[in-house]
C-alpha atoms as a PDB file:
ATOM      1  CA  MET A   1      17.845   5.603  75.878  1.00  0.00           C
ATOM      2  CA  THR A   2      19.410   2.436  74.672  1.00  0.00           C
ATOM      3  CA  SER A   3      18.455  -1.201  75.983  1.00  0.00           C
ATOM      4  CA  ALA A   4      20.856  -3.724  77.049  1.00  0.00           C
ATOM      5  CA  SER A   5      21.150  -5.428  73.538  1.00  0.00           C
ATOM      6  CA  GLY A   6      21.653  -2.132  72.455  1.00  0.00           C
ATOM      7  CA  GLU A   7      18.393  -1.559  70.745  1.00  0.00           C
ATOM      8  CA  THR A   8      17.446   2.602  70.886  1.00  0.00           C
ATOM      9  CA  ARG A   9      13.420   2.553  72.956  1.00  0.00           C
ATOM     10  CA  GLY A  10      11.242   5.022  71.377  1.00  0.00           C
ATOM     11  CA  ALA A  11       7.690   7.067  73.039  1.00  0.00           C
ATOM     12  CA  PRO A  12       6.009   4.337  73.850  1.00  0.00           C
ATOM     13  CA  THR A  13       2.852   3.621  72.012  1.00  0.00           C
ATOM     14  CA  VAL A  14      -0.473   5.290  72.655  1.00  0.00           C
ATOM     15  CA  VAL A  15      -2.977   2.867  72.376  1.00  0.00           C
ATOM     16  CA  PRO A  16      -6.424   4.303  71.565  1.00  0.00           C
ATOM     17  CA  PRO A  17      -9.088   4.177  74.323  1.00  0.00           C
ATOM     18  CA  GLY A  18     -11.007   1.944  72.726  1.00  0.00           C
ATOM     19  CA  GLU A  19      -8.451  -0.628  72.474  1.00  0.00           C
ATOM     20  CA  ARG A  20      -6.873  -0.817  75.951  1.00  0.00           C
ATOM     21  CA  GLY A  21      -9.427  -3.433  77.626  1.00  0.00           C
ATOM     22  CA  ALA A  22     -12.523  -3.360  78.732  1.00  0.00           C
ATOM     23  CA  LEU A  23     -14.697  -2.924  82.234  1.00  0.00           C
ATOM     24  CA  ARG A  24     -16.533  -5.995  83.051  1.00  0.00           C
ATOM     25  CA  ILE A  25     -19.326  -5.738  85.946  1.00  0.00           C
ATOM     26  CA  ALA A  26     -20.104  -8.745  88.031  1.00  0.00           C
ATOM     27  CA  ASP A  27     -24.179  -9.546  87.772  1.00  0.00           C
ATOM     28  CA  ARG A  28     -24.219  -9.735  91.460  1.00  0.00           C
ATOM     29  CA  VAL A  29     -23.167  -5.891  91.706  1.00  0.00           C
ATOM     30  CA  VAL A  30     -25.849  -4.535  89.033  1.00  0.00           C
ATOM     31  CA  ALA A  31     -28.664  -6.613  90.910  1.00  0.00           C
ATOM     32  CA  LYS A  32     -27.403  -5.211  94.383  1.00  0.00           C
ATOM     33  CA  VAL A  33     -28.110  -1.819  92.375  1.00  0.00           C
ATOM     34  CA  ALA A  34     -31.369  -2.432  91.111  1.00  0.00           C
ATOM     35  CA  ALA A  35     -32.581  -4.180  94.812  1.00  0.00           C
ATOM     36  CA  GLN A  36     -31.053  -0.617  96.077  1.00  0.00           C
ATOM     37  CA  ALA A  37     -33.179   0.991  93.246  1.00  0.00           C
ATOM     38  CA  ALA A  38     -35.936  -1.171  94.426  1.00  0.00           C
ATOM     39  CA  ARG A  39     -35.896  -0.173  97.689  1.00  0.00           C
ATOM     40  CA  GLU A  40     -35.459   3.670  97.128  1.00  0.00           C
ATOM     41  CA  ALA A  41     -38.653   3.515  95.099  1.00  0.00           C
ATOM     42  CA  LEU A  42     -40.902   1.915  97.179  1.00  0.00           C
ATOM     43  CA  GLY A  43     -40.243   3.200 100.403  1.00  0.00           C
ATOM     44  CA  PRO A  44     -40.815   2.188 104.051  1.00  0.00           C
ATOM     45  CA  LEU A  45     -41.788  -1.275 103.883  1.00  0.00           C
ATOM     46  CA  PRO A  46     -44.556  -2.592 105.863  1.00  0.00           C
ATOM     47  CA  LYS A  47     -43.088  -3.784 109.259  1.00  0.00           C
ATOM     48  CA  ASP A  48     -42.926  -7.585 108.226  1.00  0.00           C
ATOM     49  CA  ALA A  49     -41.198  -7.590 104.944  1.00  0.00           C
ATOM     50  CA  VAL A  50     -38.294  -8.629 103.379  1.00  0.00           C
ATOM     51  CA  PRO A  51     -36.397  -5.747 101.797  1.00  0.00           C
ATOM     52  CA  PRO A  52     -36.068  -6.450  97.725  1.00  0.00           C
ATOM     53  CA  HIS A  53     -33.960  -9.234  96.391  1.00  0.00           C
ATOM     54  CA  ALA A  54     -32.804  -8.900  92.462  1.00  0.00           C
ATOM     55  CA  THR A  55     -31.375 -11.013  89.852  1.00  0.00           C
ATOM     56  CA  VAL A  56     -29.605 -10.017  86.600  1.00  0.00           C
ATOM     57  CA  VAL A  57     -28.287 -11.300  83.345  1.00  0.00           C
ATOM     58  CA  THR A  58     -26.132  -9.031  81.324  1.00  0.00           C
ATOM     59  CA  ARG A  59     -25.048  -9.075  77.894  1.00  0.00           C
ATOM     60  CA  GLN A  60     -22.416  -6.532  76.656  1.00  0.00           C
ATOM     61  CA  ASP A  61     -23.980  -3.402  77.623  1.00  0.00           C
ATOM     62  CA  THR A  62     -27.159  -4.312  78.330  1.00  0.00           C
ATOM     63  CA  ALA A  63     -29.018  -5.932  81.468  1.00  0.00           C
ATOM     64  CA  ARG A  64     -32.236  -7.860  82.017  1.00  0.00           C
ATOM     65  CA  VAL A  65     -33.902  -7.155  85.850  1.00  0.00           C
ATOM     66  CA  ARG A  66     -35.887  -9.412  88.027  1.00  0.00           C
ATOM     67  CA  VAL A  67     -37.002  -8.049  91.135  1.00  0.00           C
ATOM     68  CA  HIS A  68     -38.502  -9.638  93.980  1.00  0.00           C
ATOM     69  CA  LEU A  69     -40.340  -7.815  96.556  1.00  0.00           C
ATOM     70  CA  GLU A  70     -43.353  -7.342  99.068  1.00  0.00           C
ATOM     71  CA  LEU A  71     -46.145  -4.849  99.407  1.00  0.00           C
ATOM     72  CA  ASP A  72     -48.374  -3.603 101.701  1.00  0.00           C
ATOM     73  CA  TYR A  73     -52.209  -3.652 100.877  1.00  0.00           C
ATOM     74  CA  PRO A  74     -54.485  -1.979 100.014  1.00  0.00           C
ATOM     75  CA  SER A  75     -52.133   0.468  97.460  1.00  0.00           C
ATOM     76  CA  ASP A  76     -52.254   1.045  94.393  1.00  0.00           C
ATOM     77  CA  ILE A  77     -50.123  -2.135  93.298  1.00  0.00           C
ATOM     78  CA  GLY A  78     -49.439  -0.926  89.357  1.00  0.00           C
ATOM     79  CA  ALA A  79     -48.650   2.138  90.265  1.00  0.00           C
ATOM     80  CA  ARG A  80     -45.868   0.873  92.945  1.00  0.00           C
ATOM     81  CA  CYS A  81     -44.196  -1.444  90.384  1.00  0.00           C
ATOM     82  CA  ALA A  82     -44.531   0.989  87.635  1.00  0.00           C
ATOM     83  CA  ALA A  83     -42.207   3.114  89.760  1.00  0.00           C
ATOM     84  CA  VAL A  84     -40.026   0.561  90.580  1.00  0.00           C
ATOM     85  CA  ARG A  85     -39.168  -0.691  86.950  1.00  0.00           C
ATOM     86  CA  ARG A  86     -38.885   3.568  86.325  1.00  0.00           C
ATOM     87  CA  HIS A  87     -36.181   3.907  88.880  1.00  0.00           C
ATOM     88  CA  VAL A  88     -34.589   1.167  88.240  1.00  0.00           C
ATOM     89  CA  VAL A  89     -33.811   1.236  84.842  1.00  0.00           C
ATOM     90  CA  GLU A  90     -33.005   4.977  86.269  1.00  0.00           C
ATOM     91  CA  ARG A  91     -30.772   3.635  88.645  1.00  0.00           C
ATOM     92  CA  VAL A  92     -28.919   0.780  87.229  1.00  0.00           C
ATOM     93  CA  GLY A  93     -28.182   3.305  84.437  1.00  0.00           C
ATOM     94  CA  ALA A  94     -26.846   6.217  86.115  1.00  0.00           C
ATOM     95  CA  LEU A  95     -24.880   3.720  87.918  1.00  0.00           C
ATOM     96  CA  VAL A  96     -23.406   1.219  86.022  1.00  0.00           C
ATOM     97  CA  ASP A  97     -23.372   2.689  82.484  1.00  0.00           C
ATOM     98  CA  MET A  98     -26.126  -0.330  81.366  1.00  0.00           C
ATOM     99  CA  ASP A  99     -29.294  -0.178  79.478  1.00  0.00           C
ATOM    100  CA  VAL A 100     -31.918  -2.085  80.538  1.00  0.00           C
ATOM    101  CA  ARG A 101     -34.215  -3.634  78.492  1.00  0.00           C
ATOM    102  CA  GLU A 102     -36.395  -5.264  80.917  1.00  0.00           C
ATOM    103  CA  VAL A 103     -37.905  -5.034  84.567  1.00  0.00           C
ATOM    104  CA  ALA A 104     -39.840  -7.988  85.750  1.00  0.00           C
ATOM    105  CA  VAL A 105     -41.153  -6.974  89.226  1.00  0.00           C
ATOM    106  CA  HIS A 106     -42.471  -9.968  90.918  1.00  0.00           C
ATOM    107  CA  VAL A 107     -44.507  -9.427  93.943  1.00  0.00           C
ATOM    108  CA  GLU A 108     -44.109 -12.182  96.469  1.00  0.00           C
ATOM    109  CA  ARG A 109     -46.376 -10.945  99.132  1.00  0.00           C
ATOM    110  CA  LEU A 110     -49.040  -8.614 100.335  1.00  0.00           C
ATOM    111  CA  HIS A 111     -49.118  -7.544 103.813  1.00  0.00           C
ATOM    112  CA  PRO A 112     -52.629  -6.194 105.007  1.00  0.00           C
ATOM    113  CA  ALA A 113     -52.996  -3.358 106.670  1.00  0.00           C
ATOM    114  CA  GLN A 114     -53.601  -3.679 110.207  1.00  0.00           C
ATOM    115  CA  THR A 115     -57.414  -2.313 110.821  1.00  0.00           C
ATOM    116  CA  GLN A 116     -57.785  -0.468 114.339  1.00  0.00           C
ATOM    117  CA  GLY A 117     -60.791  -2.866 115.808  1.00  0.00           C
ATOM    118  CA  ARG A 118     -58.672  -6.001 115.473  1.00  0.00           C
ATOM    119  CA  ALA A 119     -56.660  -7.599 118.546  1.00  0.00           C
END
């Protein structure tokens, strides 16, 4: 096939996958995935609790996550925070293919369990 200038065109050049470009996932998207993962790990929340939210800082293919949440009390706070950390690492890694180097869990508020004798 010839072009308007008379030059012959060859087959299109195949560019190797590593040189085609890059996919950039916004920090706010990773934060939404992390917050959803925290909700999944916690299960049902106390009735007046604010759902977990997250902030994320990404660099290349790694992320550092900060999750803010509210828990019922009494409960094993350490075990619940550890479950959130594990689940956030797993879900962010699986869904956005990022290595999560750090998950800081901030418990913003504890909701005491209602006792039956109180009005």
